[in-house]
Amino acid sequence: QVQLVESGGGLVQPGGSLRLSCAASGSIFSIYAMGWYRQAPGKQRELVARIINSGITNYADSVKGRFTISRSRDNAKNTVYLQMNSLKPEDTAVYYCNNKVYGGDEYWGRGTQVTVSS
């Protein structure tokens, strides 16, 4: 089992920045990918950014050049970060942390609201 605790999010003006964090604990040795998804009202959940164990990252086209995913690891937990710059109103959504583990299971955080508005 993997437990995920998200932090960050909130209200920001267009052009502003936010950083999301997601700390994973428990069976962290089994994690091979950590990432962020988002879901706006009336839309499907979509991948925002992901980083795998090798360090390879991938991003949604809509956030390339503005968002950066990174991670830190220690013996007790893995943490994934999403630095979001030059935020736009269309980035408004609930952002979910996602961890995938070997064997096919995946874990989701509870979600954190990001609102970009003046």
Protein backbone atom coordinates (compact mmCIF):
# COMPACT_ATOMS: atom_id res chain seq x y z
CA GLN A 1 0.00 0.00 0.00
CA VAL A 2 1.05 3.54 -0.76
CA GLN A 3 -0.31 6.54 1.10
CA LEU A 4 -0.34 9.92 -0.64
CA VAL A 5 -0.57 13.33 1.02
CA GLU A 6 -0.96 16.34 -1.23
CA SER A 7 -0.30 19.97 -0.39
CA GLY A 8 -0.28 23.24 -2.25
CA GLY A 9 -2.94 24.58 -4.53
CA GLY A 10 -5.16 27.58 -3.98
CA LEU A 11 -6.19 30.75 -5.74
CA VAL A 12 -3.73 32.64 -7.93
CA GLN A 13 -3.97 35.39 -10.50
CA PRO A 14 -3.22 34.73 -14.17
CA GLY A 15 0.51 34.74 -14.75
CA GLY A 16 1.19 33.64 -11.19
CA SER A 17 2.85 30.53 -9.83
CA LEU A 18 2.01 27.69 -7.49
CA ARG A 19 3.79 24.57 -6.34
CA LEU A 20 2.06 21.30 -5.56
CA SER A 21 3.63 18.58 -3.44
CA CYS A 22 2.69 14.96 -2.96
CA ALA A 23 4.41 12.83 -0.36
CA ALA A 24 4.18 9.06 -0.77
CA SER A 25 4.81 6.71 2.13
CA GLY A 26 4.36 3.01 2.74
CA SER A 27 5.52 0.61 0.03
CA ILE A 28 7.51 3.27 -1.80
CA PHE A 29 10.00 0.72 -3.13
CA SER A 30 7.26 -0.48 -5.47
CA ILE A 31 6.64 2.89 -7.12
CA TYR A 32 7.86 3.29 -10.69
CA ALA A 33 6.02 6.41 -11.77
CA MET A 34 4.76 9.51 -10.01
CA GLY A 35 2.66 12.16 -11.61
CA TRP A 36 -0.13 14.68 -11.61
CA TYR A 37 -3.49 14.62 -13.32
CA ARG A 38 -6.17 17.27 -13.36
CA GLN A 39 -9.89 17.42 -13.88
CA ALA A 40 -11.79 20.55 -14.74
CA PRO A 41 -15.58 20.76 -14.32
CA GLY A 42 -17.34 18.87 -17.09
CA LYS A 43 -14.11 17.46 -18.48
CA GLN A 44 -12.29 14.17 -18.26
CA ARG A 45 -9.30 13.71 -16.02
CA GLU A 46 -6.10 14.28 -17.97
CA LEU A 47 -2.41 13.70 -17.43
CA VAL A 48 -0.49 16.87 -16.65
CA ALA A 49 3.01 15.55 -16.00
CA ARG A 50 4.74 12.34 -15.00
CA ILE A 51 8.20 11.25 -13.94
CA ILE A 52 9.38 7.66 -13.92
CA ASN A 53 12.16 6.03 -11.94
CA SER A 54 14.74 6.62 -14.67
CA GLY A 55 14.07 10.33 -14.41
CA ILE A 56 12.31 10.59 -17.75
CA THR A 57 9.48 13.09 -17.70
CA ASN A 58 6.57 13.78 -19.95
CA TYR A 59 4.10 16.64 -20.04
CA ALA A 60 0.78 17.51 -21.58
CA ASP A 61 1.30 19.81 -24.55
CA SER A 62 -0.78 22.48 -22.84
CA VAL A 63 1.70 22.84 -19.96
CA LYS A 64 5.06 22.33 -21.66
CA GLY A 65 7.43 25.17 -20.89
CA ARG A 66 5.31 26.35 -17.96
CA PHE A 67 5.15 23.40 -15.57
CA THR A 68 8.03 21.38 -14.16
CA ILE A 69 7.78 18.05 -12.38
CA SER A 70 10.49 16.91 -10.00
CA ARG A 71 10.93 14.50 -7.15
CA SER A 72 12.91 13.80 -4.01
CA ARG A 73 13.45 10.44 -2.37
CA ASP A 74 14.64 9.24 1.00
CA ASN A 75 14.28 6.03 2.93
CA ALA A 76 10.87 6.91 4.32
CA LYS A 77 9.07 8.69 1.53
CA ASN A 78 9.06 9.81 -2.06
CA THR A 79 7.83 13.30 -2.84
CA VAL A 80 6.79 14.60 -6.24
CA TYR A 81 6.49 18.30 -6.95
CA LEU A 82 4.74 20.24 -9.66
CA GLN A 83 6.00 23.77 -10.15
CA MET A 84 3.40 25.69 -12.12
CA ASN A 85 4.40 29.02 -13.65
CA SER A 86 2.62 31.42 -15.99
CA LEU A 87 -0.70 30.02 -14.87
CA LYS A 88 -3.73 30.55 -17.06
CA PRO A 89 -7.45 30.45 -16.26
CA GLU A 90 -7.68 27.23 -18.26
CA ASP A 91 -5.35 25.59 -15.74
CA THR A 92 -8.14 25.80 -13.19
CA ALA A 93 -8.96 22.27 -12.06
CA VAL A 94 -8.66 19.79 -9.25
CA TYR A 95 -5.16 18.35 -9.39
CA TYR A 96 -4.61 14.73 -8.34
CA CYS A 97 -1.38 13.03 -7.41
CA ASN A 98 -0.94 9.58 -8.95
CA ASN A 99 1.58 6.86 -8.19
CA LYS A 100 1.90 3.70 -10.25
CA VAL A 101 3.52 0.60 -8.80
CA TYR A 102 4.98 -2.54 -10.29
CA GLY A 103 2.25 -5.10 -10.76
CA GLY A 104 -0.28 -2.69 -12.21
CA ASP A 105 -1.84 -1.00 -9.20
CA GLU A 106 -2.05 2.73 -8.90
CA TYR A 107 -2.84 5.13 -6.08
CA TRP A 108 -4.54 8.50 -6.11
CA GLY A 109 -4.43 11.45 -3.81
CA ARG A 110 -7.62 13.19 -2.71
CA GLY A 111 -7.05 16.13 -5.00
CA THR A 112 -6.25 19.78 -4.46
CA GLN A 113 -8.05 22.69 -6.06
CA VAL A 114 -6.12 25.13 -8.24
CA THR A 115 -8.04 28.23 -9.30
CA VAL A 116 -6.54 30.80 -11.65
CA SER A 117 -8.61 33.94 -11.67
CA SER A 118 -8.30 37.67 -11.38
